[in-house]
């Protein structure tokens, strides 16, 4: 979990840096121009290792979720099953 959180934090920071770098480009630097594409390629290169962390370890979150759903909860015990007699009495009330 720590690896995933650190990677997400770093990706957020890199995204903010990208926005600042993009906004600092001259108005002539648009997608498809070397000025824009080079800065974008640098940004993508900086992100790859953190994206790889998510690709490698992200399934851990699914495994934790599946285990949590399957595990009995000590906080909420399973309701007791009512007998047929109890159900009949409840319907009469």
Protein backbone atom coordinates (compact mmCIF):
# COMPACT_ATOMS: atom_id res chain seq x y z
CA UNK A 1 0.00 0.00 0.00
CA UNK A 2 2.87 2.34 0.79
CA UNK A 3 4.36 1.90 -2.68
CA UNK A 4 1.01 2.69 -4.29
CA UNK A 5 0.40 5.77 -2.16
CA UNK A 6 3.91 7.09 -2.81
CA UNK A 7 3.49 6.51 -6.55
CA UNK A 8 0.13 8.27 -6.57
CA UNK A 9 1.53 11.23 -4.63
CA UNK A 10 4.44 11.49 -7.06
CA UNK A 11 2.11 11.25 -10.08
CA UNK A 12 -0.01 14.07 -8.63
CA UNK A 13 3.11 16.23 -8.19
CA UNK A 14 4.31 15.45 -11.71
CA UNK A 15 0.90 16.37 -13.10
CA UNK A 16 1.07 19.74 -11.37
CA UNK A 17 4.57 20.26 -12.81
CA UNK A 18 3.27 19.35 -16.26
CA UNK A 19 0.48 21.92 -16.01
CA UNK A 20 2.98 24.62 -15.05
CA UNK A 21 5.39 23.62 -17.83
CA UNK A 22 2.57 23.50 -20.39
CA UNK A 23 1.30 26.92 -19.35
CA UNK A 24 4.82 28.35 -19.62
CA UNK A 25 5.18 27.26 -23.24
CA UNK A 26 4.86 29.91 -25.94
CA UNK A 27 1.46 30.17 -27.61
CA UNK A 28 2.94 28.65 -30.76
CA UNK A 29 3.77 25.41 -28.88
CA UNK A 30 0.73 23.25 -29.54
CA UNK A 31 0.39 19.48 -29.72
CA UNK A 32 2.33 18.23 -32.73
CA UNK A 33 5.06 20.85 -32.50
CA UNK A 34 8.51 19.84 -31.23
CA UNK A 35 8.38 22.42 -28.42
CA UNK A 36 5.19 20.93 -26.98
CA UNK A 37 5.90 17.29 -27.77
CA UNK A 38 9.38 17.35 -26.22
CA UNK A 39 8.08 18.73 -22.92
CA UNK A 40 5.24 16.21 -22.94
CA UNK A 41 7.64 13.35 -23.69
CA UNK A 42 9.78 14.41 -20.71
CA UNK A 43 6.71 14.43 -18.51
CA UNK A 44 5.70 10.95 -19.68
CA UNK A 45 9.24 9.64 -19.11
CA UNK A 46 9.16 10.91 -15.51
CA UNK A 47 5.80 9.21 -14.90
CA UNK A 48 6.59 5.74 -16.24
CA UNK A 49 8.19 4.23 -13.15
CA UNK A 50 5.28 5.33 -10.96
CA UNK A 51 2.75 3.99 -13.46
CA UNK A 52 4.72 0.75 -13.50
CA UNK A 53 4.36 0.56 -9.70
CA UNK A 54 0.58 0.73 -10.15
CA UNK A 55 0.62 -1.84 -12.95
CA UNK A 56 2.70 -4.18 -10.80
CA UNK A 57 1.11 -3.69 -7.38
CA UNK A 58 -2.34 -2.23 -8.09
CA UNK A 59 -4.02 -5.63 -8.04
CA UNK A 60 -3.25 -5.68 -4.32
CA UNK A 61 -6.20 -3.34 -3.77
CA UNK A 62 -8.54 -5.79 -5.51
CA UNK A 63 -7.17 -8.65 -3.41
CA UNK A 64 -7.64 -6.68 -0.18
CA UNK A 65 -11.19 -5.77 -1.21
CA UNK A 66 -12.05 -9.38 -2.05
CA UNK A 67 -10.62 -10.63 1.25
CA UNK A 68 -12.49 -7.97 3.21
CA UNK A 69 -15.78 -8.89 1.56
CA UNK A 70 -15.26 -12.58 2.29
CA UNK A 71 -14.13 -12.17 5.89
CA UNK A 72 -16.70 -12.24 8.68
CA UNK A 73 -16.97 -8.94 10.48
CA UNK A 74 -16.51 -8.93 14.26
CA UNK A 75 -18.41 -5.63 14.32
CA UNK A 76 -21.62 -6.93 12.77
CA UNK A 77 -22.36 -10.54 13.63
CA UNK A 78 -24.50 -12.49 11.21
CA UNK A 79 -28.20 -12.24 12.13
CA UNK A 80 -29.67 -15.30 13.77
CA UNK A 81 -32.05 -17.22 11.59
CA UNK A 82 -35.60 -17.09 12.83
CA UNK A 83 -37.44 -20.36 13.18
CA UNK A 84 -40.62 -21.03 11.23
CA UNK A 85 -42.58 -20.63 14.45
CA UNK A 86 -41.02 -17.19 15.11
CA UNK A 87 -41.88 -16.07 11.58
CA UNK A 88 -45.51 -17.16 11.98
CA UNK A 89 -45.77 -15.29 15.28
CA UNK A 90 -44.27 -12.15 13.71
CA UNK A 91 -46.82 -12.29 10.88
CA UNK A 92 -49.71 -12.54 13.32
CA UNK A 93 -48.71 -9.33 15.10
